[in-house]
Amino acid sequence: MNRYLLVYHRREGRVLSVRAFLDSHEALRDRFAVEREHAGDPHIEVVVLGARSLEDLRRTHARYFKTVAELATGAIARCEWRGW
């Protein structure tokens, strides 16, 4: 499984960067370094997530990659599909 280091800007609702890693320890080391770089900014979120591929990550963690409107549209469609 790959590890992906994401730097996400909460206020702007967008991913600033994505880096792929094969080694978990290296990913975490870099995460802590990036967190130190952005320590004073409450709008920056730094995470390491695991997935087989970037496409899988985009599907399982869509909140990082889709706009609020896209997420809402998807949620409404799922509710309608289920008959809610």
PDB file of N, CA and C in Angstrom:
ATOM      1  N   MET A   1       0.834  -1.178   0.000  1.00  0.00           N
ATOM      2  CA  MET A   1       0.000   0.000   0.000  1.00  0.00           C
ATOM      3  C   MET A   1       0.881   1.244   0.000  1.00  0.00           C
ATOM      4  N   ASN A   2       0.480   2.215  -0.770  1.00  0.00           N
ATOM      5  CA  ASN A   2       1.189   3.497  -0.828  1.00  0.00           C
ATOM      6  C   ASN A   2       0.722   4.403   0.293  1.00  0.00           C
ATOM      7  N   ARG A   3       1.564   5.343   0.629  1.00  0.00           N
ATOM      8  CA  ARG A   3       1.212   6.402   1.572  1.00  0.00           C
ATOM      9  C   ARG A   3       1.254   7.710   0.796  1.00  0.00           C
ATOM     10  N   TYR A   4       0.312   8.580   1.100  1.00  0.00           N
ATOM     11  CA  TYR A   4       0.227   9.865   0.425  1.00  0.00           C
ATOM     12  C   TYR A   4       0.239  10.978   1.471  1.00  0.00           C
ATOM     13  N   LEU A   5       1.148  11.900   1.292  1.00  0.00           N
ATOM     14  CA  LEU A   5       1.245  13.071   2.151  1.00  0.00           C
ATOM     15  C   LEU A   5       0.484  14.198   1.470  1.00  0.00           C
ATOM     16  N   LEU A   6      -0.595  14.644   2.108  1.00  0.00           N
ATOM     17  CA  LEU A   6      -1.410  15.724   1.566  1.00  0.00           C
ATOM     18  C   LEU A   6      -1.248  16.965   2.420  1.00  0.00           C
ATOM     19  N   VAL A   7      -1.118  18.087   1.755  1.00  0.00           N
ATOM     20  CA  VAL A   7      -1.161  19.384   2.415  1.00  0.00           C
ATOM     21  C   VAL A   7      -2.424  20.056   1.890  1.00  0.00           C
ATOM     22  N   TYR A   8      -3.342  20.319   2.804  1.00  0.00           N
ATOM     23  CA  TYR A   8      -4.681  20.797   2.449  1.00  0.00           C
ATOM     24  C   TYR A   8      -4.932  22.160   3.073  1.00  0.00           C
ATOM     25  N   HIS A   9      -5.445  23.085   2.283  1.00  0.00           N
ATOM     26  CA  HIS A   9      -5.793  24.414   2.777  1.00  0.00           C
ATOM     27  C   HIS A   9      -7.291  24.428   3.071  1.00  0.00           C
ATOM     28  N   ARG A  10      -7.640  24.442   4.343  1.00  0.00           N
ATOM     29  CA  ARG A  10      -9.042  24.339   4.758  1.00  0.00           C
ATOM     30  C   ARG A  10      -9.890  25.510   4.266  1.00  0.00           C
ATOM     31  N   ARG A  11      -9.406  26.717   4.421  1.00  0.00           N
ATOM     32  CA  ARG A  11     -10.199  27.888   4.029  1.00  0.00           C
ATOM     33  C   ARG A  11     -10.472  27.890   2.520  1.00  0.00           C
ATOM     34  N   GLU A  12      -9.462  27.548   1.733  1.00  0.00           N
ATOM     35  CA  GLU A  12      -9.625  27.530   0.279  1.00  0.00           C
ATOM     36  C   GLU A  12     -10.284  26.251  -0.215  1.00  0.00           C
ATOM     37  N   GLY A  13     -10.283  25.204   0.614  1.00  0.00           N
ATOM     38  CA  GLY A  13     -10.898  23.937   0.238  1.00  0.00           C
ATOM     39  C   GLY A  13     -10.175  23.253  -0.903  1.00  0.00           C
ATOM     40  N   ARG A  14      -8.843  23.270  -0.842  1.00  0.00           N
ATOM     41  CA  ARG A  14      -8.092  22.630  -1.931  1.00  0.00           C
ATOM     42  C   ARG A  14      -6.792  22.021  -1.423  1.00  0.00           C
ATOM     43  N   VAL A  15      -6.354  21.001  -2.146  1.00  0.00           N
ATOM     44  CA  VAL A  15      -5.087  20.344  -1.853  1.00  0.00           C
ATOM     45  C   VAL A  15      -3.968  21.207  -2.427  1.00  0.00           C
ATOM     46  N   LEU A  16      -2.998  21.531  -1.588  1.00  0.00           N
ATOM     47  CA  LEU A  16      -1.853  22.313  -2.047  1.00  0.00           C
ATOM     48  C   LEU A  16      -0.779  21.420  -2.649  1.00  0.00           C
ATOM     49  N   SER A  17      -0.632  20.208  -2.078  1.00  0.00           N
ATOM     50  CA  SER A  17       0.345  19.276  -2.630  1.00  0.00           C
ATOM     51  C   SER A  17       0.019  17.851  -2.210  1.00  0.00           C
ATOM     52  N   VAL A  18       0.477  16.913  -3.041  1.00  0.00           N
ATOM     53  CA  VAL A  18       0.339  15.477  -2.766  1.00  0.00           C
ATOM     54  C   VAL A  18       1.666  14.831  -3.132  1.00  0.00           C
ATOM     55  N   ARG A  19       2.196  14.036  -2.201  1.00  0.00           N
ATOM     56  CA  ARG A  19       3.430  13.281  -2.468  1.00  0.00           C
ATOM     57  C   ARG A  19       3.181  11.828  -2.117  1.00  0.00           C
ATOM     58  N   ALA A  20       3.617  10.937  -2.967  1.00  0.00           N
ATOM     59  CA  ALA A  20       3.459   9.500  -2.741  1.00  0.00           C
ATOM     60  C   ALA A  20       4.728   8.922  -2.127  1.00  0.00           C
ATOM     61  N   PHE A  21       4.544   7.958  -1.235  1.00  0.00           N
ATOM     62  CA  PHE A  21       5.645   7.272  -0.566  1.00  0.00           C
ATOM     63  C   PHE A  21       5.357   5.781  -0.537  1.00  0.00           C
ATOM     64  N   LEU A  22       6.392   4.985  -0.630  1.00  0.00           N
ATOM     65  CA  LEU A  22       6.275   3.546  -0.423  1.00  0.00           C
ATOM     66  C   LEU A  22       6.583   3.185   1.026  1.00  0.00           C
ATOM     67  N   ASP A  23       7.354   4.039   1.689  1.00  0.00           N
ATOM     68  CA  ASP A  23       7.803   3.784   3.051  1.00  0.00           C
ATOM     69  C   ASP A  23       7.013   4.640   4.044  1.00  0.00           C
ATOM     70  N   SER A  24       6.344   4.002   5.009  1.00  0.00           N
ATOM     71  CA  SER A  24       5.533   4.709   6.009  1.00  0.00           C
ATOM     72  C   SER A  24       6.360   5.651   6.869  1.00  0.00           C
ATOM     73  N   HIS A  25       7.536   5.197   7.268  1.00  0.00           N
ATOM     74  CA  HIS A  25       8.379   6.013   8.136  1.00  0.00           C
ATOM     75  C   HIS A  25       8.833   7.289   7.430  1.00  0.00           C
ATOM     76  N   GLU A  26       9.181   7.168   6.167  1.00  0.00           N
ATOM     77  CA  GLU A  26       9.592   8.343   5.397  1.00  0.00           C
ATOM     78  C   GLU A  26       8.428   9.323   5.252  1.00  0.00           C
ATOM     79  N   ALA A  27       7.235   8.792   5.007  1.00  0.00           N
ATOM     80  CA  ALA A  27       6.047   9.645   4.880  1.00  0.00           C
ATOM     81  C   ALA A  27       5.780  10.409   6.173  1.00  0.00           C
ATOM     82  N   LEU A  28       5.880   9.727   7.305  1.00  0.00           N
ATOM     83  CA  LEU A  28       5.643  10.385   8.586  1.00  0.00           C
ATOM     84  C   LEU A  28       6.735  11.406   8.905  1.00  0.00           C
ATOM     85  N   ARG A  29       7.965  11.074   8.582  1.00  0.00           N
ATOM     86  CA  ARG A  29       9.065  12.019   8.803  1.00  0.00           C
ATOM     87  C   ARG A  29       8.808  13.310   8.032  1.00  0.00           C
ATOM     88  N   ASP A  30       8.416  13.166   6.765  1.00  0.00           N
ATOM     89  CA  ASP A  30       8.148  14.345   5.947  1.00  0.00           C
ATOM     90  C   ASP A  30       6.902  15.089   6.439  1.00  0.00           C
ATOM     91  N   ARG A  31       5.915  14.336   6.926  1.00  0.00           N
ATOM     92  CA  ARG A  31       4.714  14.984   7.464  1.00  0.00           C
ATOM     93  C   ARG A  31       5.086  15.923   8.606  1.00  0.00           C
ATOM     94  N   PHE A  32       5.904  15.441   9.541  1.00  0.00           N
ATOM     95  CA  PHE A  32       6.278  16.269  10.677  1.00  0.00           C
ATOM     96  C   PHE A  32       7.071  17.495  10.232  1.00  0.00           C
ATOM     97  N   ALA A  33       7.898  17.346   9.230  1.00  0.00           N
ATOM     98  CA  ALA A  33       8.660  18.485   8.700  1.00  0.00           C
ATOM     99  C   ALA A  33       7.713  19.517   8.078  1.00  0.00           C
ATOM    100  N   VAL A  34       6.738  19.052   7.317  1.00  0.00           N
ATOM    101  CA  VAL A  34       5.774  19.964   6.687  1.00  0.00           C
ATOM    102  C   VAL A  34       4.904  20.629   7.749  1.00  0.00           C
ATOM    103  N   GLU A  35       4.516  19.886   8.784  1.00  0.00           N
ATOM    104  CA  GLU A  35       3.743  20.489   9.875  1.00  0.00           C
ATOM    105  C   GLU A  35       4.526  21.612  10.546  1.00  0.00           C
ATOM    106  N   ARG A  36       5.825  21.417  10.722  1.00  0.00           N
ATOM    107  CA  ARG A  36       6.652  22.480  11.312  1.00  0.00           C
ATOM    108  C   ARG A  36       6.671  23.716  10.406  1.00  0.00           C
ATOM    109  N   GLU A  37       6.734  23.490   9.095  1.00  0.00           N
ATOM    110  CA  GLU A  37       6.743  24.616   8.144  1.00  0.00           C
ATOM    111  C   GLU A  37       5.479  25.465   8.262  1.00  0.00           C
ATOM    112  N   HIS A  38       4.349  24.824   8.555  1.00  0.00           N
ATOM    113  CA  HIS A  38       3.053  25.505   8.574  1.00  0.00           C
ATOM    114  C   HIS A  38       2.503  25.660   9.992  1.00  0.00           C
ATOM    115  N   ALA A  39       3.364  25.582  10.977  1.00  0.00           N
ATOM    116  CA  ALA A  39       2.936  25.557  12.381  1.00  0.00           C
ATOM    117  C   ALA A  39       2.046  26.732  12.778  1.00  0.00           C
ATOM    118  N   GLY A  40       2.254  27.898  12.219  1.00  0.00           N
ATOM    119  CA  GLY A  40       1.470  29.068  12.610  1.00  0.00           C
ATOM    120  C   GLY A  40       0.193  29.276  11.823  1.00  0.00           C
ATOM    121  N   ASP A  41      -0.101  28.418  10.888  1.00  0.00           N
ATOM    122  CA  ASP A  41      -1.260  28.614  10.014  1.00  0.00           C
ATOM    123  C   ASP A  41      -2.369  27.612  10.352  1.00  0.00           C
ATOM    124  N   PRO A  42      -3.457  28.067  10.990  1.00  0.00           N
ATOM    125  CA  PRO A  42      -4.534  27.151  11.377  1.00  0.00           C
ATOM    126  C   PRO A  42      -5.344  26.626  10.192  1.00  0.00           C
ATOM    127  N   HIS A  43      -5.118  27.180   9.012  1.00  0.00           N
ATOM    128  CA  HIS A  43      -5.878  26.766   7.833  1.00  0.00           C
ATOM    129  C   HIS A  43      -5.228  25.601   7.090  1.00  0.00           C
ATOM    130  N   ILE A  44      -4.018  25.231   7.490  1.00  0.00           N
ATOM    131  CA  ILE A  44      -3.299  24.153   6.813  1.00  0.00           C
ATOM    132  C   ILE A  44      -3.456  22.855   7.584  1.00  0.00           C
ATOM    133  N   GLU A  45      -3.868  21.827   6.876  1.00  0.00           N
ATOM    134  CA  GLU A  45      -3.986  20.477   7.434  1.00  0.00           C
ATOM    135  C   GLU A  45      -2.983  19.585   6.708  1.00  0.00           C
ATOM    136  N   VAL A  46      -2.200  18.842   7.462  1.00  0.00           N
ATOM    137  CA  VAL A  46      -1.202  17.949   6.887  1.00  0.00           C
ATOM    138  C   VAL A  46      -1.537  16.530   7.339  1.00  0.00           C
ATOM    139  N   VAL A  47      -1.739  15.630   6.376  1.00  0.00           N
ATOM    140  CA  VAL A  47      -2.116  14.254   6.708  1.00  0.00           C
ATOM    141  C   VAL A  47      -1.328  13.269   5.853  1.00  0.00           C
ATOM    142  N   VAL A  48      -1.167  12.073   6.392  1.00  0.00           N
ATOM    143  CA  VAL A  48      -0.639  10.944   5.625  1.00  0.00           C
ATOM    144  C   VAL A  48      -1.754   9.911   5.578  1.00  0.00           C
ATOM    145  N   LEU A  49      -2.116   9.508   4.370  1.00  0.00           N
ATOM    146  CA  LEU A  49      -3.192   8.548   4.171  1.00  0.00           C
ATOM    147  C   LEU A  49      -2.685   7.378   3.345  1.00  0.00           C
ATOM    148  N   GLY A  50      -3.248   6.212   3.590  1.00  0.00           N
ATOM    149  CA  GLY A  50      -2.855   5.027   2.844  1.00  0.00           C
ATOM    150  C   GLY A  50      -3.900   4.633   1.816  1.00  0.00           C
ATOM    151  N   ALA A  51      -3.439   4.219   0.643  1.00  0.00           N
ATOM    152  CA  ALA A  51      -4.334   3.748  -0.417  1.00  0.00           C
ATOM    153  C   ALA A  51      -3.499   2.998  -1.453  1.00  0.00           C
ATOM    154  N   ARG A  52      -4.164   2.145  -2.211  1.00  0.00           N
ATOM    155  CA  ARG A  52      -3.457   1.419  -3.269  1.00  0.00           C
ATOM    156  C   ARG A  52      -3.022   2.335  -4.404  1.00  0.00           C
ATOM    157  N   SER A  53      -3.830   3.369  -4.654  1.00  0.00           N
ATOM    158  CA  SER A  53      -3.511   4.290  -5.745  1.00  0.00           C
ATOM    159  C   SER A  53      -4.066   5.670  -5.415  1.00  0.00           C
ATOM    160  N   LEU A  54      -3.603   6.668  -6.149  1.00  0.00           N
ATOM    161  CA  LEU A  54      -4.122   8.014  -5.962  1.00  0.00           C
ATOM    162  C   LEU A  54      -5.603   8.060  -6.321  1.00  0.00           C
ATOM    163  N   GLU A  55      -5.994   7.297  -7.327  1.00  0.00           N
ATOM    164  CA  GLU A  55      -7.413   7.233  -7.714  1.00  0.00           C
ATOM    165  C   GLU A  55      -8.261   6.688  -6.569  1.00  0.00           C
ATOM    166  N   ASP A  56      -7.786   5.638  -5.896  1.00  0.00           N
ATOM    167  CA  ASP A  56      -8.491   5.110  -4.724  1.00  0.00           C
ATOM    168  C   ASP A  56      -8.575   6.164  -3.625  1.00  0.00           C
ATOM    169  N   LEU A  57      -7.490   6.878  -3.407  1.00  0.00           N
ATOM    170  CA  LEU A  57      -7.473   7.919  -2.382  1.00  0.00           C
ATOM    171  C   LEU A  57      -8.489   9.011  -2.709  1.00  0.00           C
ATOM    172  N   ARG A  58      -8.566   9.400  -3.959  1.00  0.00           N
ATOM    173  CA  ARG A  58      -9.535  10.417  -4.375  1.00  0.00           C
ATOM    174  C   ARG A  58     -10.969   9.951  -4.118  1.00  0.00           C
ATOM    175  N   ARG A  59     -11.205   8.658  -4.246  1.00  0.00           N
ATOM    176  CA  ARG A  59     -12.545   8.107  -4.018  1.00  0.00           C
ATOM    177  C   ARG A  59     -12.855   7.997  -2.525  1.00  0.00           C
ATOM    178  N   THR A  60     -11.907   7.467  -1.739  1.00  0.00           N
ATOM    179  CA  THR A  60     -12.167   7.220  -0.321  1.00  0.00           C
ATOM    180  C   THR A  60     -12.050   8.468   0.551  1.00  0.00           C
ATOM    181  N   HIS A  61     -11.332   9.464   0.083  1.00  0.00           N
ATOM    182  CA  HIS A  61     -11.147  10.703   0.843  1.00  0.00           C
ATOM    183  C   HIS A  61     -11.516  11.907  -0.026  1.00  0.00           C
ATOM    184  N   ALA A  62     -12.701  11.838  -0.600  1.00  0.00           N
ATOM    185  CA  ALA A  62     -13.153  12.841  -1.564  1.00  0.00           C
ATOM    186  C   ALA A  62     -13.180  14.249  -0.992  1.00  0.00           C
ATOM    187  N   ARG A  63     -13.355  14.403   0.311  1.00  0.00           N
ATOM    188  CA  ARG A  63     -13.452  15.751   0.885  1.00  0.00           C
ATOM    189  C   ARG A  63     -12.212  16.585   0.615  1.00  0.00           C
ATOM    190  N   TYR A  64     -11.083  15.923   0.392  1.00  0.00           N
ATOM    191  CA  TYR A  64      -9.861  16.656   0.093  1.00  0.00           C
ATOM    192  C   TYR A  64      -9.785  17.079  -1.385  1.00  0.00           C
ATOM    193  N   PHE A  65     -10.516  16.402  -2.242  1.00  0.00           N
ATOM    194  CA  PHE A  65     -10.338  16.594  -3.684  1.00  0.00           C
ATOM    195  C   PHE A  65     -11.536  17.216  -4.395  1.00  0.00           C
ATOM    196  N   LYS A  66     -12.697  17.227  -3.743  1.00  0.00           N
ATOM    197  CA  LYS A  66     -13.898  17.774  -4.377  1.00  0.00           C
ATOM    198  C   LYS A  66     -14.314  19.062  -3.694  1.00  0.00           C
ATOM    199  N   THR A  67     -15.051  19.877  -4.436  1.00  0.00           N
ATOM    200  CA  THR A  67     -15.588  21.103  -3.860  1.00  0.00           C
ATOM    201  C   THR A  67     -16.776  20.757  -2.967  1.00  0.00           C
ATOM    202  N   VAL A  68     -17.184  21.716  -2.156  1.00  0.00           N
ATOM    203  CA  VAL A  68     -18.352  21.516  -1.297  1.00  0.00           C
ATOM    204  C   VAL A  68     -19.577  21.228  -2.154  1.00  0.00           C
ATOM    205  N   ALA A  69     -19.713  21.922  -3.265  1.00  0.00           N
ATOM    206  CA  ALA A  69     -20.857  21.698  -4.153  1.00  0.00           C
ATOM    207  C   ALA A  69     -20.854  20.273  -4.712  1.00  0.00           C
ATOM    208  N   GLU A  70     -19.694  19.778  -5.102  1.00  0.00           N
ATOM    209  CA  GLU A  70     -19.599  18.410  -5.613  1.00  0.00           C
ATOM    210  C   GLU A  70     -19.942  17.389  -4.536  1.00  0.00           C
ATOM    211  N   LEU A  71     -19.468  17.614  -3.310  1.00  0.00           N
ATOM    212  CA  LEU A  71     -19.784  16.707  -2.208  1.00  0.00           C
ATOM    213  C   LEU A  71     -21.276  16.725  -1.903  1.00  0.00           C
ATOM    214  N   ALA A  72     -21.886  17.911  -1.895  1.00  0.00           N
ATOM    215  CA  ALA A  72     -23.317  18.025  -1.617  1.00  0.00           C
ATOM    216  C   ALA A  72     -24.145  17.350  -2.697  1.00  0.00           C
ATOM    217  N   THR A  73     -23.775  17.553  -3.951  1.00  0.00           N
ATOM    218  CA  THR A  73     -24.489  16.923  -5.060  1.00  0.00           C
ATOM    219  C   THR A  73     -24.422  15.406  -4.952  1.00  0.00           C
ATOM    220  N   GLY A  74     -23.253  14.882  -4.617  1.00  0.00           N
ATOM    221  CA  GLY A  74     -23.099  13.438  -4.440  1.00  0.00           C
ATOM    222  C   GLY A  74     -23.929  12.914  -3.289  1.00  0.00           C
ATOM    223  N   ALA A  75     -23.974  13.652  -2.185  1.00  0.00           N
ATOM    224  CA  ALA A  75     -24.760  13.235  -1.024  1.00  0.00           C
ATOM    225  C   ALA A  75     -26.245  13.230  -1.348  1.00  0.00           C
ATOM    226  N   ILE A  76     -26.717  14.245  -2.051  1.00  0.00           N
ATOM    227  CA  ILE A  76     -28.131  14.305  -2.443  1.00  0.00           C
ATOM    228  C   ILE A  76     -28.467  13.142  -3.369  1.00  0.00           C
ATOM    229  N   ALA A  77     -27.610  12.875  -4.321  1.00  0.00           N
ATOM    230  CA  ALA A  77     -27.846  11.773  -5.258  1.00  0.00           C
ATOM    231  C   ALA A  77     -27.918  10.436  -4.517  1.00  0.00           C
ATOM    232  N   ARG A  78     -27.034  10.229  -3.526  1.00  0.00           N
ATOM    233  CA  ARG A  78     -27.071   8.976  -2.753  1.00  0.00           C
ATOM    234  C   ARG A  78     -28.353   8.858  -1.946  1.00  0.00           C
ATOM    235  N   CYS A  79     -28.821   9.976  -1.380  1.00  0.00           N
ATOM    236  CA  CYS A  79     -30.073   9.958  -0.617  1.00  0.00           C
ATOM    237  C   CYS A  79     -31.249   9.633  -1.525  1.00  0.00           C
ATOM    238  N   GLU A  80     -31.280  10.247  -2.705  1.00  0.00           N
ATOM    239  CA  GLU A  80     -32.360   9.971  -3.652  1.00  0.00           C
ATOM    240  C   GLU A  80     -32.325   8.522  -4.105  1.00  0.00           C
ATOM    241  N   TRP A  81     -31.122   7.994  -4.349  1.00  0.00           N
ATOM    242  CA  TRP A  81     -30.975   6.614  -4.790  1.00  0.00           C
ATOM    243  C   TRP A  81     -31.519   5.654  -3.732  1.00  0.00           C
ATOM    244  N   ARG A  82     -31.300   5.988  -2.458  1.00  0.00           N
ATOM    245  CA  ARG A  82     -31.756   5.139  -1.355  1.00  0.00           C
ATOM    246  C   ARG A  82     -33.217   5.405  -0.989  1.00  0.00           C
ATOM    247  N   GLY A  83     -33.815   6.405  -1.600  1.00  0.00           N
ATOM    248  CA  GLY A  83     -35.208   6.714  -1.330  1.00  0.00           C
ATOM    249  C   GLY A  83     -35.439   7.526  -0.068  1.00  0.00           C
ATOM    250  N   TRP A  84     -34.419   8.253   0.374  1.00  0.00           N
ATOM    251  CA  TRP A  84     -34.574   9.073   1.580  1.00  0.00           C
ATOM    252  C   TRP A  84     -35.194  10.373   1.223  1.00  0.00           C
TER     253      TRP A  84
END
